[in-house]
Amino acid sequence: MDDVLAIILGGGRGTRLFPLTLKRSKPAVPIGGKYRLIDIPISNCLNANLRHMYVLTQFNSESLNKHVAMTYKFDVFSSGFVTVLAAEQTEEGGNWFQGTADAVRQSLRHMRRTPARDLLILSGDQLYTMDYRQMLRTHRESGADATVAVIPVSPEQASGFGILKMDATGRIIHFDEKPPADRLPALVSDLPGGGQGHLASMGIYLFRRDVLEQALASPRLVDFGRHVIPDAVPRQRVQAYIYRGYWEDVGTIQSYFQANLALCEPIPPFDFYDAARPVYTHPRFLPASKVEQCKIHNALISEGCIMHGAEIDRAVVGIRSRIGSEVQIRNSLLIGADYYESLEEMQSTLARGVPTVGVGSKSVIENAIIDKNARIGRNVRIVNEEGIKEKDGNGYYIREGIVIVPKNGVVPDGMVI
């Protein structure tokens, strides 16, 4: 993989993940208690021995820049790098990235410094494990100009994806971005091993370098799924690489929430425990979690947590979480904290009538996301008993029925949401 350059797309404003993206970019959103979304594609690259990566971003990129810089360091004898490229003003132009393809187009001058035969385009907000070496083998053995990673989907799901039709050799002969239901019967493909089905683009592309640069020479091609791939299919050899493993696009609050809670299952669909394919992240050197007189069922408890007398059922508890006595947490995600408050700081905070960082005693949290450094007081109920689907409240939000307390949010003692 020495002659492959990976380009990880950081996404736009991430409005579908708001308020988690209120103060951070999509790839910087935490997942699984201790990781960030950006760790997934970078780890897939490292596990495939792909060591040359650019991360393209433009919104709220400070925390992402810091995480990448502190986590992915190569020694001085290696040519490897993971570099963040933010949108920038130049003599050639000063516009924001207008789409996925435009982001790569505006960053090409940096990428030309790295010799590479093929360019791998990845998304920064997906949860999956893929060996990119197998995709590269399909790409080169087929003589493809471009290869698209695809996954079988049901007819009910198909209208939400870019759907392609391939021939018996795996060549894509038609591509339709988010087709209406009446178009789906014409987009059925024969699947390897027998049967038929719909194949959806995963937003993962592998291009010959010269082919991609030629395509990006046209400023009208702004997005890969809507423009570049449909434009290339009738003119060039675009190959399908069929992926059979778990894959989840966590670009919405609901999909993000469910992907995290699925990690609590006895055999989770995504495996953070695969020693052969580890997921890397920033080492924090935290102590083991302290758990006193708690009842815990089907939960992930990250390092550095302090919990006393709590009952936790199907929840992901992030790093440095403090959970008080008689707290009940069900079907929820606690992202954790960036720091510990000292005893003096906690006493000072309480004296001012403000809760400490964490969850106060006798509080109940259900079907909720509690973002980093949030302060949940005592006797708080976050349960959405009225079943509200969408709301911007005082210190909280409700999206798709899920209550979200934003980063650094404060929920005072006794409040009911």
Protein backbone atom coordinates (compact mmCIF):
# COMPACT_ATOMS: atom_id res chain seq x y z
CA MET A 1 0.00 0.00 0.00
CA ASP A 2 3.02 2.27 -0.25
CA ASP A 3 1.75 3.69 -3.55
CA VAL A 4 -1.76 4.53 -2.24
CA LEU A 5 -2.77 7.86 -0.69
CA ALA A 6 -5.84 7.94 1.58
CA ILE A 7 -8.08 11.01 1.68
CA ILE A 8 -10.56 11.10 4.57
CA LEU A 9 -13.48 13.48 4.11
CA GLY A 10 -14.37 15.39 7.25
CA GLY A 11 -17.84 16.35 6.05
CA GLY A 12 -19.67 19.65 6.13
CA ARG A 13 -21.47 21.32 9.01
CA GLY A 14 -22.79 17.99 10.31
CA THR A 15 -26.27 19.45 10.85
CA ARG A 16 -27.85 15.98 11.13
CA LEU A 17 -25.60 15.28 14.13
CA PHE A 18 -26.37 18.60 15.85
CA PRO A 19 -25.90 19.38 18.76
CA LEU A 20 -23.00 16.90 18.94
CA THR A 21 -21.40 18.96 16.16
CA LEU A 22 -22.10 22.29 17.85
CA LYS A 23 -18.46 22.59 18.96
CA ARG A 24 -16.70 19.86 16.98
CA SER A 25 -16.52 18.47 13.45
CA LYS A 26 -18.20 15.16 12.59
CA PRO A 27 -15.01 13.07 12.59
CA ALA A 28 -14.22 14.34 16.10
CA VAL A 29 -17.52 13.08 17.58
CA PRO A 30 -16.77 10.43 20.27
CA ILE A 31 -17.92 6.84 19.87
CA GLY A 32 -17.66 3.65 21.92
CA GLY A 33 -16.78 5.40 25.18
CA LYS A 34 -13.17 6.32 24.36
CA TYR A 35 -12.73 6.70 20.60
CA ARG A 36 -13.60 9.30 17.98
CA LEU A 37 -15.18 8.61 14.58
CA ILE A 38 -11.97 9.62 12.80
CA ASP A 39 -10.18 6.72 14.53
CA ILE A 40 -12.17 4.21 12.46
CA PRO A 41 -10.93 5.03 8.91
CA ILE A 42 -7.42 5.85 10.18
CA SER A 43 -7.21 2.52 12.01
CA ASN A 44 -8.48 0.68 8.92
CA CYS A 45 -5.68 2.34 6.94
CA LEU A 46 -3.00 1.50 9.50
CA ASN A 47 -4.16 -2.11 9.72
CA ALA A 48 -3.86 -2.35 5.91
CA ASN A 49 -0.32 -0.90 6.11
CA LEU A 50 -1.48 2.33 4.45
CA ARG A 51 0.56 5.09 6.05
CA HIS A 52 -0.12 8.21 3.95
CA MET A 53 -3.33 10.03 4.91
CA TYR A 54 -4.93 13.45 4.56
CA VAL A 55 -8.02 14.47 6.54
CA LEU A 56 -10.06 17.22 4.84
CA THR A 57 -12.18 19.42 7.08
CA GLN A 58 -13.44 22.97 7.40
CA PHE A 59 -15.94 23.33 10.29
CA ASN A 60 -15.07 23.30 14.01
CA SER A 61 -11.80 21.53 13.31
CA GLU A 62 -9.79 22.51 16.41
CA SER A 63 -10.55 19.40 18.48
CA LEU A 64 -10.04 17.17 15.45
CA ASN A 65 -6.67 18.79 14.67
CA LYS A 66 -5.58 18.33 18.28
CA HIS A 67 -6.68 14.69 18.40
CA VAL A 68 -4.94 13.76 15.15
CA ALA A 69 -1.74 15.59 16.11
CA MET A 70 -1.56 13.97 19.55
CA THR A 71 -2.51 10.46 18.41
CA TYR A 72 -0.99 9.65 15.04
CA LYS A 73 2.73 10.27 15.18
CA PHE A 74 5.29 8.43 13.08
CA ASP A 75 8.98 8.18 13.92
CA VAL A 76 11.58 10.21 12.04
CA PHE A 77 12.64 7.16 10.01
CA SER A 78 9.14 6.69 8.53
CA SER A 79 7.54 8.51 5.60
CA GLY A 80 4.09 7.98 7.09
CA PHE A 81 1.80 10.87 8.04
CA VAL A 82 -1.75 11.76 9.00
CA THR A 83 -2.27 15.44 8.11
CA VAL A 84 -5.36 17.62 8.48
CA LEU A 85 -6.07 19.89 5.50
CA ALA A 86 -8.63 22.59 6.28
CA ALA A 87 -10.32 24.77 3.68
CA GLU A 88 -8.12 27.77 3.04
CA GLN A 89 -8.00 30.94 1.00
CA THR A 90 -5.41 30.95 -1.79
CA GLU A 91 -4.60 32.99 -4.88
CA GLU A 92 -6.62 30.48 -6.90
CA GLY A 93 -9.75 30.94 -4.78
CA GLY A 94 -11.17 31.27 -1.30
CA ASN A 95 -14.47 29.39 -1.31
CA TRP A 96 -15.57 26.82 1.25
CA PHE A 97 -15.63 23.22 0.07
CA GLN A 98 -18.84 22.88 -1.95
CA GLY A 99 -18.99 19.08 -1.79
CA THR A 100 -16.88 15.96 -1.38
CA ALA A 101 -15.26 16.17 -4.82
CA ASP A 102 -14.72 19.91 -4.53
CA ALA A 103 -12.90 19.35 -1.22
CA VAL A 104 -10.45 17.01 -2.94
CA ARG A 105 -10.12 19.38 -5.90
CA GLN A 106 -9.17 22.32 -3.69
CA SER A 107 -6.62 20.18 -1.82
CA LEU A 108 -4.92 18.58 -4.83
CA ARG A 109 -1.94 20.92 -4.73
CA HIS A 110 -0.99 19.43 -1.34
CA MET A 111 -1.59 15.86 -2.46
CA ARG A 112 0.65 16.20 -5.49
CA ARG A 113 3.61 16.32 -3.11
CA THR A 114 3.02 12.66 -2.26
CA PRO A 115 3.70 10.20 -5.11
CA ALA A 116 0.85 7.69 -5.34
CA ARG A 117 -0.54 5.47 -8.07
CA ASP A 118 -4.05 5.34 -6.58
CA LEU A 119 -6.10 7.59 -4.29
CA LEU A 120 -8.49 6.08 -1.72
CA ILE A 121 -11.42 8.35 -0.78
CA LEU A 122 -12.96 7.61 2.64
CA SER A 123 -15.70 9.06 4.83
CA GLY A 124 -15.01 10.28 8.35
CA ASP A 125 -18.38 9.31 9.87
CA GLN A 126 -18.81 5.58 9.26
CA LEU A 127 -18.40 2.57 11.55
CA TYR A 128 -16.96 -0.54 9.87
CA THR A 129 -13.86 -2.70 9.52
CA MET A 130 -12.48 -3.18 6.01
CA ASP A 131 -9.22 -4.51 4.64
CA TYR A 132 -8.48 -1.96 1.93
CA ARG A 133 -5.86 -4.30 0.45
CA GLN A 134 -8.65 -6.55 -0.84
CA MET A 135 -10.37 -3.58 -2.46
CA LEU A 136 -7.07 -2.54 -4.05
CA ARG A 137 -6.58 -6.07 -5.40
CA THR A 138 -10.04 -5.97 -7.05
CA HIS A 139 -9.29 -2.51 -8.42
CA ARG A 140 -5.99 -3.43 -10.05
CA GLU A 141 -6.81 -6.96 -11.22
CA SER A 142 -9.92 -5.68 -13.03
CA GLY A 143 -7.97 -2.85 -14.66
CA ALA A 144 -10.48 -0.36 -13.28
CA ASP A 145 -10.20 3.39 -13.61
CA ALA A 146 -12.22 3.68 -10.40
CA THR A 147 -13.67 1.22 -7.87
CA VAL A 148 -16.65 1.79 -5.60
CA ALA A 149 -17.12 -0.18 -2.36
CA VAL A 150 -20.72 -1.39 -2.23
CA ILE A 151 -22.91 -3.27 0.21
CA PRO A 152 -26.18 -5.19 -0.33
CA VAL A 153 -29.24 -3.37 1.05
CA SER A 154 -32.94 -4.15 1.25
CA PRO A 155 -35.43 -2.47 -1.12
CA GLU A 156 -36.74 -0.48 1.87
CA GLN A 157 -33.29 1.01 2.46
CA ALA A 158 -32.31 1.49 -1.18
CA SER A 159 -33.87 4.91 -1.79
CA GLY A 160 -31.60 6.45 0.84
CA PHE A 161 -28.37 5.45 -0.94
CA GLY A 162 -26.60 5.69 -4.26
CA ILE A 163 -27.72 2.46 -5.98
CA LEU A 164 -25.72 0.88 -8.79
CA LYS A 165 -26.24 -1.89 -11.29
CA MET A 166 -23.29 -4.08 -12.29
CA ASP A 167 -22.74 -6.68 -15.00
CA ALA A 168 -21.39 -10.23 -14.64
CA THR A 169 -17.78 -8.98 -14.45
CA GLY A 170 -18.51 -6.58 -11.60
CA ARG A 171 -18.34 -3.52 -13.81
CA ILE A 172 -20.83 -0.81 -12.88
CA ILE A 173 -23.09 -0.07 -15.83
CA HIS A 174 -25.52 2.32 -14.15
CA PHE A 175 -25.46 4.51 -11.03
CA ASP A 176 -28.47 6.30 -9.56
CA GLU A 177 -28.12 8.56 -6.47
CA LYS A 178 -31.06 8.01 -4.07
CA PRO A 179 -33.47 6.64 -6.71
CA PRO A 180 -37.25 6.79 -6.19
CA ALA A 181 -39.04 3.52 -5.47
CA ASP A 182 -40.33 3.12 -9.05
CA ARG A 183 -36.73 3.03 -10.34
CA LEU A 184 -35.55 0.23 -8.05
CA PRO A 185 -36.72 -2.79 -10.12
CA ALA A 186 -34.38 -1.71 -12.94
CA LEU A 187 -31.41 -1.47 -10.55
CA VAL A 188 -31.28 -5.08 -9.36
CA SER A 189 -27.88 -6.81 -9.77
CA ASP A 190 -26.88 -10.47 -9.78
CA LEU A 191 -24.88 -11.11 -6.60
CA PRO A 192 -21.80 -13.36 -6.36
CA GLY A 193 -22.79 -16.72 -4.91
CA GLY A 194 -26.31 -16.52 -6.32
CA GLY A 195 -29.39 -14.40 -5.89
CA GLN A 196 -30.21 -10.83 -6.76
CA GLY A 197 -30.37 -7.61 -4.81
CA HIS A 198 -29.68 -3.91 -4.63
CA LEU A 199 -26.12 -2.70 -4.15
CA ALA A 200 -25.53 0.61 -2.38
CA SER A 201 -22.45 2.78 -2.53
CA MET A 202 -20.63 3.03 0.81
CA GLY A 203 -19.05 6.35 -0.11
CA ILE A 204 -15.65 4.65 -0.37
CA TYR A 205 -13.86 5.13 -3.70
CA LEU A 206 -10.53 4.09 -5.16
CA PHE A 207 -9.29 6.05 -8.20
CA ARG A 208 -6.29 5.86 -10.43
CA ARG A 209 -4.57 9.14 -9.74
CA ASP A 210 -4.61 10.39 -13.33
CA VAL A 211 -8.29 9.50 -13.71
CA LEU A 212 -9.27 11.41 -10.57
CA GLU A 213 -7.27 14.50 -11.51
CA GLN A 214 -8.87 14.47 -14.96
CA ALA A 215 -12.36 14.22 -13.43
CA LEU A 216 -11.71 17.01 -10.96
CA ALA A 217 -10.57 19.32 -13.74
CA SER A 218 -14.26 20.00 -14.35
CA PRO A 219 -15.57 22.42 -11.67
CA ARG A 220 -19.16 21.29 -12.31
CA LEU A 221 -18.41 17.94 -10.66
CA VAL A 222 -18.87 18.93 -7.02
CA ASP A 223 -19.81 15.68 -5.27
CA PHE A 224 -18.57 12.11 -5.78
CA GLY A 225 -21.94 10.39 -5.37
CA ARG A 226 -24.04 12.89 -7.30
CA HIS A 227 -21.57 13.91 -10.02
CA VAL A 228 -18.18 12.19 -10.34
CA ILE A 229 -19.28 8.54 -10.27
CA PRO A 230 -22.39 8.97 -12.50
CA ASP A 231 -20.25 10.95 -14.97
CA ALA A 232 -17.53 8.26 -15.03
CA VAL A 233 -19.74 5.15 -15.36
CA PRO A 234 -20.64 5.49 -19.07
CA ARG A 235 -17.14 6.62 -20.11
CA GLN A 236 -14.71 4.63 -17.99
CA ARG A 237 -14.35 1.27 -16.29
CA VAL A 238 -15.86 1.69 -12.83
CA GLN A 239 -15.72 -1.52 -10.81
CA ALA A 240 -17.79 -2.65 -7.82
CA TYR A 241 -16.10 -4.10 -4.74
CA ILE A 242 -18.73 -5.94 -2.68
CA TYR A 243 -18.29 -5.69 1.08
CA ARG A 244 -20.11 -8.22 3.26
CA GLY A 245 -19.31 -7.05 6.80
CA TYR A 246 -20.96 -4.65 9.25
CA TRP A 247 -21.20 -1.06 8.06
CA GLU A 248 -23.12 1.84 9.57
CA ASP A 249 -23.27 5.43 8.40
CA VAL A 250 -23.52 7.32 11.70
CA GLY A 251 -24.42 10.65 10.14
CA THR A 252 -27.70 11.12 12.08
CA ILE A 253 -28.49 11.26 15.79
CA GLN A 254 -30.61 8.10 15.58
CA SER A 255 -28.01 6.04 13.71
CA TYR A 256 -25.24 7.32 15.99
CA PHE A 257 -27.25 6.50 19.11
CA GLN A 258 -28.18 3.01 17.96
CA ALA A 259 -24.63 2.21 16.76
CA ASN A 260 -23.29 3.04 20.22
CA LEU A 261 -25.92 1.05 22.11
CA ALA A 262 -25.36 -1.94 19.80
CA LEU A 263 -21.84 -2.15 21.26
CA CYS A 264 -23.46 -3.26 24.54
CA GLU A 265 -24.80 -6.48 23.00
CA PRO A 266 -23.17 -9.77 24.08
CA ILE A 267 -21.79 -10.15 20.55
CA PRO A 268 -21.71 -6.62 19.13
CA PRO A 269 -21.95 -6.11 15.36
CA PHE A 270 -18.79 -4.00 15.43
CA ASP A 271 -15.80 -5.58 17.16
CA PHE A 272 -13.52 -3.28 19.14
CA TYR A 273 -11.94 -6.41 20.63
CA ASP A 274 -10.32 -7.81 17.46
CA ALA A 275 -6.62 -8.01 18.37
CA ALA A 276 -5.68 -8.51 14.71
CA ARG A 277 -7.42 -5.26 13.70
CA PRO A 278 -7.16 -2.85 16.64
CA VAL A 279 -8.82 0.54 16.68
CA TYR A 280 -6.29 3.17 17.68
CA THR A 281 -6.94 6.35 19.62
CA HIS A 282 -5.15 8.85 21.86
CA PRO A 283 -3.57 7.10 24.90
CA ARG A 284 -4.72 8.93 28.04
CA PHE A 285 -3.04 6.88 30.79
CA LEU A 286 -6.15 6.91 32.96
CA PRO A 287 -6.63 4.75 36.05
CA ALA A 288 -8.97 1.78 36.13
CA SER A 289 -12.63 2.58 36.73
CA LYS A 290 -13.80 2.52 40.35
CA VAL A 291 -17.16 0.73 40.70
CA GLU A 292 -18.71 0.51 44.18
CA GLN A 293 -22.00 -1.28 44.95
CA CYS A 294 -23.33 -0.86 41.41
CA LYS A 295 -25.66 -3.02 39.34
CA ILE A 296 -24.47 -3.14 35.74
CA HIS A 297 -26.19 -4.99 32.90
CA ASN A 298 -24.94 -5.04 29.29
CA ALA A 299 -22.84 -1.89 29.46
CA LEU A 300 -19.49 -0.54 28.37
CA ILE A 301 -17.59 1.24 31.14
CA SER A 302 -14.58 3.21 29.91
CA GLU A 303 -11.44 3.84 31.94
CA GLY A 304 -11.15 6.47 34.62
CA CYS A 305 -14.80 6.36 35.76
CA ILE A 306 -15.97 6.72 39.38
CA MET A 307 -19.37 5.20 40.17
CA HIS A 308 -21.05 4.49 43.49
CA GLY A 309 -24.38 2.76 44.05
CA ALA A 310 -25.64 3.27 40.47
CA GLU A 311 -27.78 0.98 38.34
CA ILE A 312 -26.77 0.92 34.68
CA ASP A 313 -28.58 -1.07 31.98
CA ARG A 314 -27.58 -1.03 28.30
CA ALA A 315 -25.44 2.08 28.33
CA VAL A 316 -22.07 3.31 27.13
CA VAL A 317 -20.22 5.21 29.85
CA GLY A 318 -17.37 7.37 28.54
CA ILE A 319 -14.00 8.21 30.06
CA ARG A 320 -13.78 10.01 33.44
CA SER A 321 -17.53 9.75 34.06
CA ARG A 322 -18.62 10.43 37.65
CA ILE A 323 -21.96 8.85 38.59
CA GLY A 324 -23.52 9.39 42.02
CA SER A 325 -25.44 7.07 44.31
CA GLU A 326 -28.86 5.68 43.43
CA VAL A 327 -28.56 6.91 39.84
CA GLN A 328 -30.43 4.93 37.19
CA ILE A 329 -29.16 4.96 33.62
CA ARG A 330 -30.92 2.99 30.86
CA ASN A 331 -30.46 2.91 27.08
CA SER A 332 -28.19 5.93 27.16
CA LEU A 333 -24.83 7.23 26.09
CA LEU A 334 -22.61 9.20 28.47
CA ILE A 335 -19.68 10.61 26.52
CA GLY A 336 -17.66 11.40 29.67
CA ALA A 337 -15.36 14.26 30.58
CA ASP A 338 -12.10 15.90 29.50
CA TYR A 339 -10.90 16.43 33.06
CA TYR A 340 -11.43 15.63 36.74
CA GLU A 341 -12.68 18.29 39.10
CA SER A 342 -10.68 18.48 42.32
CA LEU A 343 -12.45 18.25 45.69
CA GLU A 344 -11.97 21.99 46.17
CA GLU A 345 -13.43 22.75 42.74
CA MET A 346 -16.46 20.57 43.44
CA GLN A 347 -17.10 22.26 46.77
CA SER A 348 -16.79 25.70 45.21
CA THR A 349 -19.10 24.74 42.35
CA LEU A 350 -21.77 23.34 44.68
CA ALA A 351 -21.56 26.43 46.87
CA ARG A 352 -22.54 28.49 43.81
CA GLY A 353 -25.56 26.23 43.20
CA VAL A 354 -24.05 24.59 40.13
CA PRO A 355 -23.83 20.77 39.80
CA THR A 356 -20.43 19.13 39.52
CA VAL A 357 -19.30 17.47 36.27
CA GLY A 358 -21.06 14.11 36.01
CA VAL A 359 -24.42 12.79 37.19
CA GLY A 360 -25.74 13.71 40.64
CA SER A 361 -27.31 11.27 43.09
CA LYS A 362 -30.84 9.86 42.61
CA SER A 363 -31.07 11.05 39.00
CA VAL A 364 -32.70 9.00 36.24
CA ILE A 365 -31.46 9.05 32.64
CA GLU A 366 -33.16 7.09 29.88
CA ASN A 367 -32.89 7.19 26.07
CA ALA A 368 -30.47 10.10 26.21
CA ILE A 369 -27.06 11.32 25.11
CA ILE A 370 -25.08 13.24 27.72
CA ASP A 371 -22.21 15.01 25.99
CA LYS A 372 -18.76 15.77 27.44
CA ASN A 373 -18.30 17.77 30.63
CA ALA A 374 -22.06 18.02 31.19
CA ARG A 375 -23.28 18.75 34.73
CA ILE A 376 -26.39 16.80 35.70
CA GLY A 377 -27.68 17.75 39.16
CA ARG A 378 -29.31 15.64 41.86
CA ASN A 379 -32.85 14.23 41.52
CA VAL A 380 -32.90 15.03 37.80
CA ARG A 381 -35.20 13.05 35.48
CA ILE A 382 -34.20 12.89 31.80
CA VAL A 383 -36.82 10.49 30.44
CA ASN A 384 -38.90 12.36 27.79
CA GLU A 385 -42.13 10.98 29.24
CA GLU A 386 -44.22 13.01 26.78
CA GLY A 387 -42.52 11.31 23.80
CA ILE A 388 -41.51 14.60 22.15
CA LYS A 389 -39.66 14.06 18.86
CA GLU A 390 -38.06 17.46 18.22
CA LYS A 391 -37.43 20.33 20.62
CA ASP A 392 -34.83 22.95 21.55
CA GLY A 393 -35.15 23.28 25.32
CA ASN A 394 -33.39 25.28 28.01
CA GLY A 395 -30.02 23.52 28.24
CA TYR A 396 -31.03 20.49 26.21
CA TYR A 397 -32.26 19.34 22.81
CA ILE A 398 -34.53 16.53 21.64
CA ARG A 399 -33.80 14.95 18.27
CA GLU A 400 -35.71 11.93 16.92
CA GLY A 401 -37.08 11.38 20.44
CA ILE A 402 -33.60 11.27 22.01
CA VAL A 403 -32.77 13.84 24.70
CA ILE A 404 -29.32 15.39 24.24
CA VAL A 405 -27.52 17.45 26.85
CA PRO A 406 -24.80 19.30 24.90
CA LYS A 407 -21.11 19.60 25.71
CA ASN A 408 -20.59 21.65 28.91
CA GLY A 409 -24.38 21.67 29.42
CA VAL A 410 -25.90 22.20 32.87
CA VAL A 411 -29.10 20.54 34.15
CA PRO A 412 -29.89 21.89 37.65
CA ASP A 413 -31.07 19.84 40.63
CA GLY A 414 -34.61 18.50 40.35
CA MET A 415 -35.15 19.36 36.68
CA VAL A 416 -37.43 17.07 34.66
CA ILE A 417 -36.97 16.70 30.91
